[in-house]
């Protein structure tokens, strides 16, 4: 098995475990959340974009004229 396939298997197992736990939590009578299934799916659609929290813009170069050593 290649390293890439092994990592994919680990990812799939972790995702399945997380999905099961989240499902159990949502079914709990004491669990209240503003995150509905629709919100989770909407976030999944934008998770790779700048709307997910990380800016896709490169930082502007510094105006400092000192040499960078």
N, C-alpha and C. Protein backbone atom coordinates (compact mmCIF):
# COMPACT_ATOMS: atom_id res chain seq x y z
N UNK A 1 0.86 -1.18 0.00
CA UNK A 1 0.00 0.00 0.00
C UNK A 1 0.90 1.23 0.00
N UNK A 2 0.59 2.18 -0.86
CA UNK A 2 1.40 3.39 -0.93
C UNK A 2 1.09 4.31 0.25
N UNK A 3 1.99 5.27 0.46
CA UNK A 3 1.79 6.21 1.57
C UNK A 3 0.54 7.05 1.35
N UNK A 4 0.28 7.40 0.08
CA UNK A 4 -0.90 8.21 -0.23
C UNK A 4 -2.18 7.43 0.08
N UNK A 5 -2.21 6.16 -0.27
CA UNK A 5 -3.39 5.33 0.01
C UNK A 5 -3.56 5.13 1.51
N UNK A 6 -2.46 4.98 2.24
CA UNK A 6 -2.53 4.81 3.69
C UNK A 6 -3.08 6.07 4.34
N UNK A 7 -2.63 7.25 3.87
CA UNK A 7 -3.14 8.51 4.42
C UNK A 7 -4.62 8.68 4.10
N UNK A 8 -5.03 8.26 2.91
CA UNK A 8 -6.44 8.36 2.53
C UNK A 8 -7.29 7.47 3.42
N UNK A 9 -6.78 6.27 3.72
CA UNK A 9 -7.51 5.35 4.61
C UNK A 9 -7.66 5.95 6.01
N UNK A 10 -6.58 6.57 6.52
CA UNK A 10 -6.63 7.21 7.84
C UNK A 10 -7.64 8.34 7.84
N UNK A 11 -7.63 9.14 6.77
CA UNK A 11 -8.56 10.26 6.66
C UNK A 11 -10.00 9.75 6.63
N UNK A 12 -10.25 8.73 5.83
CA UNK A 12 -11.61 8.18 5.72
C UNK A 12 -12.10 7.63 7.06
N UNK A 13 -11.21 6.96 7.77
CA UNK A 13 -11.59 6.40 9.08
C UNK A 13 -11.87 7.52 10.08
N UNK A 14 -11.04 8.56 10.08
CA UNK A 14 -11.25 9.68 11.00
C UNK A 14 -12.54 10.42 10.67
N UNK A 15 -12.83 10.60 9.39
CA UNK A 15 -14.05 11.28 8.97
C UNK A 15 -15.28 10.48 9.38
N UNK A 16 -15.24 9.18 9.19
CA UNK A 16 -16.37 8.33 9.57
C UNK A 16 -16.60 8.39 11.07
N UNK A 17 -15.52 8.35 11.85
CA UNK A 17 -15.63 8.43 13.31
C UNK A 17 -16.22 9.78 13.73
N UNK A 18 -15.75 10.86 13.10
CA UNK A 18 -16.26 12.20 13.42
C UNK A 18 -17.72 12.35 13.05
N UNK A 19 -18.09 11.83 11.88
CA UNK A 19 -19.49 11.90 11.45
C UNK A 19 -20.41 11.16 12.41
N UNK A 20 -19.96 10.00 12.88
CA UNK A 20 -20.78 9.22 13.82
C UNK A 20 -20.93 9.96 15.14
N UNK A 21 -19.85 10.55 15.64
CA UNK A 21 -19.92 11.29 16.90
C UNK A 21 -20.81 12.52 16.77
N UNK A 22 -20.69 13.23 15.66
CA UNK A 22 -21.52 14.42 15.45
C UNK A 22 -22.99 14.02 15.36
N UNK A 23 -23.27 12.94 14.72
CA UNK A 23 -24.64 12.46 14.62
C UNK A 23 -25.21 12.13 16.00
N UNK A 24 -24.40 11.45 16.84
CA UNK A 24 -24.82 11.12 18.20
C UNK A 24 -25.08 12.39 19.01
N UNK A 25 -24.19 13.38 18.87
CA UNK A 25 -24.37 14.63 19.62
C UNK A 25 -25.64 15.35 19.21
N UNK A 26 -25.90 15.39 17.91
CA UNK A 26 -27.10 16.09 17.42
C UNK A 26 -28.38 15.45 17.92
N UNK A 27 -28.36 14.15 18.12
CA UNK A 27 -29.56 13.44 18.57
C UNK A 27 -29.79 13.61 20.07
N UNK A 28 -28.80 14.07 20.79
CA UNK A 28 -28.91 14.25 22.23
C UNK A 28 -29.93 15.34 22.55
N UNK A 29 -30.74 15.11 23.56
CA UNK A 29 -31.78 16.09 23.93
C UNK A 29 -31.18 17.36 24.54
N UNK A 30 -29.98 17.27 25.08
CA UNK A 30 -29.38 18.45 25.70
C UNK A 30 -28.49 19.24 24.75
N UNK A 31 -28.37 18.79 23.51
CA UNK A 31 -27.50 19.46 22.55
C UNK A 31 -28.30 20.50 21.78
N UNK A 32 -27.88 21.74 21.89
CA UNK A 32 -28.51 22.84 21.15
C UNK A 32 -27.42 23.49 20.31
N UNK A 33 -27.69 23.66 19.06
CA UNK A 33 -26.69 24.24 18.18
C UNK A 33 -27.35 25.11 17.12
N UNK A 34 -26.64 26.16 16.74
CA UNK A 34 -27.12 26.99 15.65
C UNK A 34 -26.74 26.36 14.30
N UNK A 35 -25.91 25.33 14.34
CA UNK A 35 -25.47 24.66 13.12
C UNK A 35 -26.47 23.59 12.71
N UNK A 36 -27.21 23.86 11.70
CA UNK A 36 -28.12 22.86 11.17
C UNK A 36 -27.39 22.06 10.09
N UNK A 37 -28.00 21.03 9.61
CA UNK A 37 -27.39 20.25 8.53
C UNK A 37 -27.18 21.13 7.31
N UNK A 38 -28.11 22.05 7.05
CA UNK A 38 -27.97 22.97 5.92
C UNK A 38 -26.73 23.85 6.08
N UNK A 39 -26.47 24.32 7.30
CA UNK A 39 -25.30 25.16 7.55
C UNK A 39 -24.00 24.38 7.36
N UNK A 40 -23.99 23.15 7.81
CA UNK A 40 -22.80 22.30 7.65
C UNK A 40 -22.53 22.07 6.17
N UNK A 41 -23.57 21.78 5.41
CA UNK A 41 -23.40 21.56 3.97
C UNK A 41 -22.97 22.84 3.27
N UNK A 42 -23.50 23.99 3.68
CA UNK A 42 -23.11 25.26 3.07
C UNK A 42 -21.64 25.55 3.36
N UNK A 43 -21.19 25.29 4.59
CA UNK A 43 -19.79 25.51 4.90
C UNK A 43 -18.89 24.58 4.10
N UNK A 44 -19.34 23.35 3.89
CA UNK A 44 -18.54 22.39 3.12
C UNK A 44 -18.32 22.89 1.69
N UNK A 45 -19.31 23.60 1.16
CA UNK A 45 -19.19 24.12 -0.20
C UNK A 45 -18.16 25.24 -0.30
N UNK A 46 -17.97 26.02 0.76
CA UNK A 46 -17.03 27.15 0.70
C UNK A 46 -15.75 26.89 1.48
N UNK A 47 -15.58 25.70 2.02
CA UNK A 47 -14.44 25.44 2.90
C UNK A 47 -13.10 25.63 2.20
N UNK A 48 -13.04 25.52 0.90
CA UNK A 48 -11.78 25.72 0.18
C UNK A 48 -11.57 27.15 -0.27
N UNK A 49 -12.51 28.03 -0.01
CA UNK A 49 -12.40 29.40 -0.48
C UNK A 49 -11.97 30.34 0.63
N UNK A 50 -11.80 31.59 0.30
CA UNK A 50 -11.43 32.61 1.27
C UNK A 50 -12.51 32.86 2.31
N UNK A 51 -13.74 32.46 2.01
CA UNK A 51 -14.83 32.66 2.96
C UNK A 51 -14.72 31.73 4.17
N UNK A 52 -13.86 30.74 4.08
CA UNK A 52 -13.73 29.78 5.17
C UNK A 52 -12.79 30.27 6.26
N UNK A 53 -12.19 31.43 6.09
CA UNK A 53 -11.38 31.99 7.17
C UNK A 53 -9.98 32.37 6.80
N UNK A 54 -9.34 31.69 5.89
CA UNK A 54 -7.97 32.02 5.53
C UNK A 54 -7.98 32.89 4.29
N UNK A 55 -7.32 34.01 4.36
CA UNK A 55 -7.25 34.92 3.24
C UNK A 55 -6.44 34.29 2.11
N UNK A 56 -6.89 34.51 0.90
CA UNK A 56 -6.15 33.98 -0.24
C UNK A 56 -5.23 35.03 -0.84
N UNK A 57 -5.29 36.23 -0.30
CA UNK A 57 -4.39 37.29 -0.77
C UNK A 57 -3.02 37.13 -0.18
N UNK A 58 -2.01 37.46 -0.98
CA UNK A 58 -0.66 37.44 -0.48
C UNK A 58 -0.44 38.70 0.35
N UNK A 59 0.34 38.63 1.42
CA UNK A 59 0.59 39.83 2.22
C UNK A 59 1.37 40.86 1.40
N UNK A 60 1.06 42.14 1.65
CA UNK A 60 1.76 43.21 0.96
C UNK A 60 3.20 43.27 1.47
N UNK A 61 4.12 43.60 0.58
CA UNK A 61 5.51 43.74 1.04
C UNK A 61 5.64 44.90 2.01
N UNK A 62 6.55 44.76 2.91
CA UNK A 62 6.78 45.78 3.92
C UNK A 62 7.35 47.03 3.28
N UNK A 63 7.01 48.20 3.82
CA UNK A 63 7.56 49.48 3.32
C UNK A 63 8.86 49.81 4.03
N UNK A 64 9.26 48.95 4.89
CA UNK A 64 10.51 49.17 5.62
C UNK A 64 11.68 49.09 4.64
N UNK A 65 12.53 50.14 4.62
CA UNK A 65 13.65 50.18 3.68
C UNK A 65 14.91 49.54 4.22
N UNK A 66 14.83 48.99 5.40
CA UNK A 66 16.03 48.38 5.95
C UNK A 66 16.34 47.07 5.20
N UNK A 67 17.62 46.75 5.09
CA UNK A 67 17.96 45.52 4.39
C UNK A 67 17.50 44.29 5.16
N UNK A 68 17.07 43.31 4.45
CA UNK A 68 16.64 42.07 5.12
C UNK A 68 17.77 41.07 5.03
N UNK A 69 18.34 40.77 6.17
CA UNK A 69 19.48 39.84 6.22
C UNK A 69 19.10 38.60 6.96
